[in-house]
Every structure is written in C-alpha cells, then in structure tokens.
Full PDB file with SEQRES, HELIX, SHEET, SSBOND, CRYST1, ORIGX, SCALE, CONECT and MASTER records, all heavy atoms in Angstrom:
SEQRES   1 A   29  ALA LEU PHE ALA ALA ARG GLU CYS ALA ARG VAL ILE GLY          
SEQRES   2 A   29  GLU GLU GLY LEU GLU ALA GLY ILE ALA ARG HIS LYS LEU          
SEQRES   3 A   29  HIS GLY ASP                                                  
HELIX    1 AA1 LEU A    2  GLU A   15  1                                  14    
HELIX    2 AA2 LEU A   17  GLY A   28  1                                  12    
CRYST1    1.000    1.000    1.000  90.00  90.00  90.00 P 1           1          
ORIGX1      1.000000  0.000000  0.000000        0.00000                         
ORIGX2      0.000000  1.000000  0.000000        0.00000                         
ORIGX3      0.000000  0.000000  1.000000        0.00000                         
SCALE1      1.000000  0.000000  0.000000        0.00000                         
SCALE2      0.000000  1.000000  0.000000        0.00000                         
SCALE3      0.000000  0.000000  1.000000        0.00000                         
ATOM      1  N   ALA A   1     233.575 147.712 -19.196  1.00  0.00           N  
ATOM      2  CA  ALA A   1     232.772 147.991 -17.893  1.00  0.00           C  
ATOM      3  C   ALA A   1     231.341 147.761 -18.134  1.00  0.00           C  
ATOM      4  O   ALA A   1     230.534 147.257 -17.376  1.00  0.00           O  
ATOM      5  CB  ALA A   1     233.072 149.342 -17.332  1.00  0.00           C  
ATOM      6  N   LEU A   2     230.804 148.314 -19.309  1.00  0.00           N  
ATOM      7  CA  LEU A   2     229.490 148.180 -19.723  1.00  0.00           C  
ATOM      8  C   LEU A   2     229.058 146.728 -19.888  1.00  0.00           C  
ATOM      9  O   LEU A   2     227.948 146.244 -19.508  1.00  0.00           O  
ATOM     10  CB  LEU A   2     229.093 148.981 -20.909  1.00  0.00           C  
ATOM     11  CG  LEU A   2     227.661 148.876 -21.479  1.00  0.00           C  
ATOM     12  CD1 LEU A   2     227.154 150.278 -21.722  1.00  0.00           C  
ATOM     13  CD2 LEU A   2     227.481 147.918 -22.529  1.00  0.00           C  
ATOM     14  N   PHE A   3     229.878 145.955 -20.524  1.00  0.00           N  
ATOM     15  CA  PHE A   3     229.709 144.513 -20.683  1.00  0.00           C  
ATOM     16  C   PHE A   3     229.610 143.818 -19.236  1.00  0.00           C  
ATOM     17  O   PHE A   3     228.698 143.011 -19.120  1.00  0.00           O  
ATOM     18  CB  PHE A   3     230.856 143.855 -21.407  1.00  0.00           C  
ATOM     19  CG  PHE A   3     230.933 144.194 -22.911  1.00  0.00           C  
ATOM     20  CD1 PHE A   3     232.096 143.968 -23.617  1.00  0.00           C  
ATOM     21  CD2 PHE A   3     229.819 144.700 -23.562  1.00  0.00           C  
ATOM     22  CE1 PHE A   3     232.169 144.300 -25.008  1.00  0.00           C  
ATOM     23  CE2 PHE A   3     229.856 145.131 -24.854  1.00  0.00           C  
ATOM     24  CZ  PHE A   3     231.000 144.896 -25.565  1.00  0.00           C  
ATOM     25  N   ALA A   4     230.479 144.288 -18.362  1.00  0.00           N  
ATOM     26  CA  ALA A   4     230.453 143.674 -16.984  1.00  0.00           C  
ATOM     27  C   ALA A   4     229.063 144.156 -16.293  1.00  0.00           C  
ATOM     28  O   ALA A   4     228.387 143.207 -15.648  1.00  0.00           O  
ATOM     29  CB  ALA A   4     231.567 144.281 -16.075  1.00  0.00           C  
ATOM     30  N   ALA A   5     228.732 145.322 -16.463  1.00  0.00           N  
ATOM     31  CA  ALA A   5     227.442 145.719 -15.737  1.00  0.00           C  
ATOM     32  C   ALA A   5     226.170 145.017 -16.296  1.00  0.00           C  
ATOM     33  O   ALA A   5     225.309 144.665 -15.625  1.00  0.00           O  
ATOM     34  CB  ALA A   5     227.311 147.224 -15.809  1.00  0.00           C  
ATOM     35  N   ARG A   6     226.306 144.846 -17.638  1.00  0.00           N  
ATOM     36  CA  ARG A   6     225.137 144.180 -18.299  1.00  0.00           C  
ATOM     37  C   ARG A   6     224.964 142.757 -17.798  1.00  0.00           C  
ATOM     38  O   ARG A   6     224.034 142.184 -17.444  1.00  0.00           O  
ATOM     39  CB  ARG A   6     225.365 144.156 -19.848  1.00  0.00           C  
ATOM     40  CG  ARG A   6     224.207 143.440 -20.631  1.00  0.00           C  
ATOM     41  CD  ARG A   6     224.657 143.360 -22.063  1.00  0.00           C  
ATOM     42  NE  ARG A   6     223.625 142.706 -22.858  1.00  0.00           N  
ATOM     43  CZ  ARG A   6     223.482 141.285 -22.882  1.00  0.00           C  
ATOM     44  NH1 ARG A   6     224.344 140.540 -22.248  1.00  0.00           N  
ATOM     45  NH2 ARG A   6     222.484 140.728 -23.659  1.00  0.00           N  
ATOM     46  N   GLU A   7     226.239 142.108 -17.673  1.00  0.00           N  
ATOM     47  CA  GLU A   7     226.203 140.652 -17.248  1.00  0.00           C  
ATOM     48  C   GLU A   7     225.741 140.522 -15.748  1.00  0.00           C  
ATOM     49  O   GLU A   7     225.117 139.596 -15.455  1.00  0.00           O  
ATOM     50  CB  GLU A   7     227.581 140.019 -17.441  1.00  0.00           C  
ATOM     51  CG  GLU A   7     227.596 138.523 -17.251  1.00  0.00           C  
ATOM     52  CD  GLU A   7     226.750 137.594 -18.185  1.00  0.00           C  
ATOM     53  OE1 GLU A   7     226.166 138.292 -19.213  1.00  0.00           O  
ATOM     54  OE2 GLU A   7     226.615 136.512 -18.014  1.00  0.00           O  
ATOM     55  N   CYS A   8     226.211 141.504 -14.956  1.00  0.00           N  
ATOM     56  CA  CYS A   8     225.788 141.511 -13.539  1.00  0.00           C  
ATOM     57  C   CYS A   8     224.301 141.528 -13.323  1.00  0.00           C  
ATOM     58  O   CYS A   8     223.567 140.714 -12.742  1.00  0.00           O  
ATOM     59  CB  CYS A   8     226.381 142.680 -12.854  1.00  0.00           C  
ATOM     60  SG  CYS A   8     228.099 142.653 -12.372  1.00  0.00           S  
ATOM     61  N   ALA A   9     223.708 142.446 -14.211  1.00  0.00           N  
ATOM     62  CA  ALA A   9     222.146 142.577 -14.044  1.00  0.00           C  
ATOM     63  C   ALA A   9     221.511 141.345 -14.782  1.00  0.00           C  
ATOM     64  O   ALA A   9     220.510 140.837 -14.342  1.00  0.00           O  
ATOM     65  CB  ALA A   9     221.797 143.866 -14.885  1.00  0.00           C  
ATOM     66  N   ARG A  10     222.039 140.845 -15.909  1.00  0.00           N  
ATOM     67  CA  ARG A  10     221.449 139.619 -16.503  1.00  0.00           C  
ATOM     68  C   ARG A  10     221.489 138.494 -15.580  1.00  0.00           C  
ATOM     69  O   ARG A  10     220.505 137.737 -15.488  1.00  0.00           O  
ATOM     70  CB  ARG A  10     222.388 139.314 -17.835  1.00  0.00           C  
ATOM     71  CG  ARG A  10     221.643 138.253 -18.664  1.00  0.00           C  
ATOM     72  CD  ARG A  10     222.561 137.527 -19.561  1.00  0.00           C  
ATOM     73  NE  ARG A  10     223.562 136.737 -18.939  1.00  0.00           N  
ATOM     74  CZ  ARG A  10     223.345 135.584 -18.463  1.00  0.00           C  
ATOM     75  NH1 ARG A  10     222.141 134.994 -18.628  1.00  0.00           N  
ATOM     76  NH2 ARG A  10     224.336 134.856 -17.867  1.00  0.00           N  
ATOM     77  N   VAL A  11     222.673 138.226 -14.838  1.00  0.00           N  
ATOM     78  CA  VAL A  11     222.678 137.105 -13.956  1.00  0.00           C  
ATOM     79  C   VAL A  11     221.699 137.281 -12.746  1.00  0.00           C  
ATOM     80  O   VAL A  11     221.029 136.338 -12.349  1.00  0.00           O  
ATOM     81  CB  VAL A  11     224.185 137.019 -13.359  1.00  0.00           C  
ATOM     82  CG1 VAL A  11     224.270 136.145 -12.059  1.00  0.00           C  
ATOM     83  CG2 VAL A  11     225.089 136.556 -14.499  1.00  0.00           C  
ATOM     84  N   ILE A  12     221.520 138.586 -12.262  1.00  0.00           N  
ATOM     85  CA  ILE A  12     220.470 138.778 -11.194  1.00  0.00           C  
ATOM     86  C   ILE A  12     219.125 138.467 -11.775  1.00  0.00           C  
ATOM     87  O   ILE A  12     218.297 137.785 -11.046  1.00  0.00           O  
ATOM     88  CB  ILE A  12     220.618 140.310 -10.768  1.00  0.00           C  
ATOM     89  CG1 ILE A  12     221.928 140.538 -10.032  1.00  0.00           C  
ATOM     90  CG2 ILE A  12     219.316 140.645  -9.957  1.00  0.00           C  
ATOM     91  CD1 ILE A  12     222.119 141.869  -9.564  1.00  0.00           C  
ATOM     92  N   GLY A  13     218.835 138.874 -13.040  1.00  0.00           N  
ATOM     93  CA  GLY A  13     217.577 138.564 -13.500  1.00  0.00           C  
ATOM     94  C   GLY A  13     217.303 137.078 -13.810  1.00  0.00           C  
ATOM     95  O   GLY A  13     216.291 136.523 -13.561  1.00  0.00           O  
ATOM     96  N   GLU A  14     218.399 136.377 -14.141  1.00  0.00           N  
ATOM     97  CA  GLU A  14     218.352 134.896 -14.336  1.00  0.00           C  
ATOM     98  C   GLU A  14     218.007 134.113 -13.061  1.00  0.00           C  
ATOM     99  O   GLU A  14     217.173 133.266 -12.884  1.00  0.00           O  
ATOM    100  CB  GLU A  14     219.596 134.380 -14.939  1.00  0.00           C  
ATOM    101  CG  GLU A  14     219.695 133.019 -15.262  1.00  0.00           C  
ATOM    102  CD  GLU A  14     221.046 132.558 -15.964  1.00  0.00           C  
ATOM    103  OE1 GLU A  14     221.954 132.358 -15.285  1.00  0.00           O  
ATOM    104  OE2 GLU A  14     221.075 132.528 -17.140  1.00  0.00           O  
ATOM    105  N   GLU A  15     218.702 134.588 -11.880  1.00  0.00           N  
ATOM    106  CA  GLU A  15     218.480 134.043 -10.617  1.00  0.00           C  
ATOM    107  C   GLU A  15     217.044 134.477 -10.111  1.00  0.00           C  
ATOM    108  O   GLU A  15     216.361 133.777  -9.478  1.00  0.00           O  
ATOM    109  CB  GLU A  15     219.502 134.410  -9.552  1.00  0.00           C  
ATOM    110  CG  GLU A  15     219.313 133.857  -8.214  1.00  0.00           C  
ATOM    111  CD  GLU A  15     220.446 134.202  -7.268  1.00  0.00           C  
ATOM    112  OE1 GLU A  15     221.151 135.235  -7.568  1.00  0.00           O  
ATOM    113  OE2 GLU A  15     220.413 133.601  -6.108  1.00  0.00           O  
ATOM    114  N   GLY A  16     216.631 135.718 -10.415  1.00  0.00           N  
ATOM    115  CA  GLY A  16     215.579 136.415  -9.763  1.00  0.00           C  
ATOM    116  C   GLY A  16     215.955 137.122  -8.688  1.00  0.00           C  
ATOM    117  O   GLY A  16     216.643 136.796  -7.791  1.00  0.00           O  
ATOM    118  N   LEU A  17     215.510 138.531  -8.697  1.00  0.00           N  
ATOM    119  CA  LEU A  17     215.829 139.522  -7.695  1.00  0.00           C  
ATOM    120  C   LEU A  17     215.537 139.030  -6.363  1.00  0.00           C  
ATOM    121  O   LEU A  17     216.353 138.992  -5.315  1.00  0.00           O  
ATOM    122  CB  LEU A  17     215.283 140.770  -7.933  1.00  0.00           C  
ATOM    123  CG  LEU A  17     215.776 142.048  -7.112  1.00  0.00           C  
ATOM    124  CD1 LEU A  17     217.296 142.206  -6.952  1.00  0.00           C  
ATOM    125  CD2 LEU A  17     215.011 143.282  -7.384  1.00  0.00           C  
ATOM    126  N   GLU A  18     214.300 138.581  -6.102  1.00  0.00           N  
ATOM    127  CA  GLU A  18     213.871 138.109  -4.807  1.00  0.00           C  
ATOM    128  C   GLU A  18     214.654 136.868  -4.244  1.00  0.00           C  
ATOM    129  O   GLU A  18     215.091 136.821  -3.157  1.00  0.00           O  
ATOM    130  CB  GLU A  18     212.362 137.797  -4.695  1.00  0.00           C  
ATOM    131  CG  GLU A  18     211.441 139.039  -4.950  1.00  0.00           C  
ATOM    132  CD  GLU A  18     211.391 139.579  -6.376  1.00  0.00           C  
ATOM    133  OE1 GLU A  18     211.911 138.834  -7.195  1.00  0.00           O  
ATOM    134  OE2 GLU A  18     210.875 140.606  -6.495  1.00  0.00           O  
ATOM    135  N   ALA A  19     214.953 135.907  -5.261  1.00  0.00           N  
ATOM    136  CA  ALA A  19     215.755 134.802  -4.834  1.00  0.00           C  
ATOM    137  C   ALA A  19     217.121 135.199  -4.468  1.00  0.00           C  
ATOM    138  O   ALA A  19     217.750 134.587  -3.531  1.00  0.00           O  
ATOM    139  CB  ALA A  19     215.826 133.786  -6.074  1.00  0.00           C  
ATOM    140  N   GLY A  20     217.760 136.224  -5.179  1.00  0.00           N  
ATOM    141  CA  GLY A  20     219.090 136.776  -4.896  1.00  0.00           C  
ATOM    142  C   GLY A  20     219.070 137.241  -3.381  1.00  0.00           C  
ATOM    143  O   GLY A  20     220.068 137.021  -2.638  1.00  0.00           O  
ATOM    144  N   ILE A  21     218.123 138.112  -3.119  1.00  0.00           N  
ATOM    145  CA  ILE A  21     217.977 138.651  -1.752  1.00  0.00           C  
ATOM    146  C   ILE A  21     217.966 137.616  -0.706  1.00  0.00           C  
ATOM    147  O   ILE A  21     218.594 137.740   0.275  1.00  0.00           O  
ATOM    148  CB  ILE A  21     216.846 139.715  -1.786  1.00  0.00           C  
ATOM    149  CG1 ILE A  21     217.214 140.915  -2.626  1.00  0.00           C  
ATOM    150  CG2 ILE A  21     216.577 140.145  -0.336  1.00  0.00           C  
ATOM    151  CD1 ILE A  21     215.937 141.817  -2.922  1.00  0.00           C  
ATOM    152  N   ALA A  22     217.111 136.636  -1.016  1.00  0.00           N  
ATOM    153  CA  ALA A  22     216.883 135.517  -0.048  1.00  0.00           C  
ATOM    154  C   ALA A  22     218.198 134.831   0.067  1.00  0.00           C  
ATOM    155  O   ALA A  22     218.586 134.150   1.213  1.00  0.00           O  
ATOM    156  CB  ALA A  22     215.806 134.631  -0.611  1.00  0.00           C  
ATOM    157  N   ARG A  23     219.018 134.596  -0.986  1.00  0.00           N  
ATOM    158  CA  ARG A  23     220.311 133.913  -0.902  1.00  0.00           C  
ATOM    159  C   ARG A  23     221.258 134.635   0.009  1.00  0.00           C  
ATOM    160  O   ARG A  23     221.898 134.144   0.883  1.00  0.00           O  
ATOM    161  CB  ARG A  23     220.884 133.697  -2.319  1.00  0.00           C  
ATOM    162  CG  ARG A  23     222.292 133.277  -2.255  1.00  0.00           C  
ATOM    163  CD  ARG A  23     222.733 132.800  -3.670  1.00  0.00           C  
ATOM    164  NE  ARG A  23     222.727 133.961  -4.623  1.00  0.00           N  
ATOM    165  CZ  ARG A  23     223.663 134.930  -4.704  1.00  0.00           C  
ATOM    166  NH1 ARG A  23     224.745 134.842  -4.046  1.00  0.00           N  
ATOM    167  NH2 ARG A  23     223.445 135.875  -5.607  1.00  0.00           N  
ATOM    168  N   HIS A  24     221.286 136.009  -0.186  1.00  0.00           N  
ATOM    169  CA  HIS A  24     222.101 136.817   0.713  1.00  0.00           C  
ATOM    170  C   HIS A  24     221.626 136.670   2.181  1.00  0.00           C  
ATOM    171  O   HIS A  24     222.536 136.610   3.081  1.00  0.00           O  
ATOM    172  CB  HIS A  24     222.089 138.321   0.255  1.00  0.00           C  
ATOM    173  CG  HIS A  24     222.931 138.620  -0.978  1.00  0.00           C  
ATOM    174  ND1 HIS A  24     222.490 138.346  -2.272  1.00  0.00           N  
ATOM    175  CD2 HIS A  24     224.190 139.085  -1.049  1.00  0.00           C  
ATOM    176  CE1 HIS A  24     223.584 138.657  -3.079  1.00  0.00           C  
ATOM    177  NE2 HIS A  24     224.545 139.218  -2.309  1.00  0.00           N  
ATOM    178  N   LYS A  25     220.401 136.730   2.402  1.00  0.00           N  
ATOM    179  CA  LYS A  25     219.964 136.574   3.798  1.00  0.00           C  
ATOM    180  C   LYS A  25     220.239 135.164   4.370  1.00  0.00           C  
ATOM    181  O   LYS A  25     220.698 135.006   5.569  1.00  0.00           O  
ATOM    182  CB  LYS A  25     218.410 136.692   3.895  1.00  0.00           C  
ATOM    183  CG  LYS A  25     217.821 136.694   5.337  1.00  0.00           C  
ATOM    184  CD  LYS A  25     216.464 137.116   5.545  1.00  0.00           C  
ATOM    185  CE  LYS A  25     215.881 136.737   6.811  1.00  0.00           C  
ATOM    186  NZ  LYS A  25     216.822 137.271   8.055  1.00  0.00           N  
ATOM    187  N   LEU A  26     220.147 134.158   3.638  1.00  0.00           N  
ATOM    188  CA  LEU A  26     220.431 132.829   4.091  1.00  0.00           C  
ATOM    189  C   LEU A  26     221.897 132.671   4.471  1.00  0.00           C  
ATOM    190  O   LEU A  26     222.220 132.177   5.648  1.00  0.00           O  
ATOM    191  CB  LEU A  26     220.201 131.801   2.912  1.00  0.00           C  
ATOM    192  CG  LEU A  26     220.608 130.365   3.115  1.00  0.00           C  
ATOM    193  CD1 LEU A  26     219.872 129.723   4.265  1.00  0.00           C  
ATOM    194  CD2 LEU A  26     220.568 129.552   1.928  1.00  0.00           C  
ATOM    195  N   HIS A  27     222.811 133.102   3.666  1.00  0.00           N  
ATOM    196  CA  HIS A  27     224.285 132.966   4.135  1.00  0.00           C  
ATOM    197  C   HIS A  27     224.642 133.983   5.005  1.00  0.00           C  
ATOM    198  O   HIS A  27     225.577 133.717   5.876  1.00  0.00           O  
ATOM    199  CB  HIS A  27     225.004 133.064   2.659  1.00  0.00           C  
ATOM    200  CG  HIS A  27     224.733 131.886   1.739  1.00  0.00           C  
ATOM    201  ND1 HIS A  27     224.756 130.608   1.969  1.00  0.00           N  
ATOM    202  CD2 HIS A  27     224.170 131.981   0.480  1.00  0.00           C  
ATOM    203  CE1 HIS A  27     224.377 129.942   1.009  1.00  0.00           C  
ATOM    204  NE2 HIS A  27     223.954 130.618   0.091  1.00  0.00           N  
ATOM    205  N   GLY A  28     224.110 135.197   5.038  1.00  0.00           N  
ATOM    206  CA  GLY A  28     224.350 136.153   6.122  1.00  0.00           C  
ATOM    207  C   GLY A  28     223.923 135.633   7.392  1.00  0.00           C  
ATOM    208  O   GLY A  28     224.754 135.900   8.382  1.00  0.00           O  
ATOM    209  N   ASP A  29     222.866 135.050   7.529  1.00  0.00           N  
ATOM    210  CA  ASP A  29     222.329 134.568   8.727  1.00  0.00           C  
ATOM    211  C   ASP A  29     223.098 133.233   9.227  1.00  0.00           C  
ATOM    212  O   ASP A  29     223.439 133.134  10.513  1.00  0.00           O  
ATOM    213  CB  ASP A  29     220.853 134.135   8.683  1.00  0.00           C  
ATOM    214  CG  ASP A  29     219.946 135.351   8.581  1.00  0.00           C  
ATOM    215  OD1 ASP A  29     220.402 136.556   8.947  1.00  0.00           O  
ATOM    216  OD2 ASP A  29     218.781 135.227   8.359  1.00  0.00           O  
TER     217      ASP A  29                                                      
MASTER        0    0    0    2    0    0    0    6  216    1    0    3          
END                                                                             
C-alpha cells in the first residue's frame, strides 16, 4: 500500500499538481 501511495504522489508530481487539476476540470466539463 505504501508503494502504491508513493507512486500515486510521484505520478501527480510528474504531471504537475496544477496540470492534473486542469485535466480533471477539462474532462469533467
């Protein structure tokens, strides 16, 4: 579970938090 949590956060950092939020807004809209 720790490995999973680490990879989740690593992937978010790789995309960029703001870019990820913008992606969620784009597809939600």
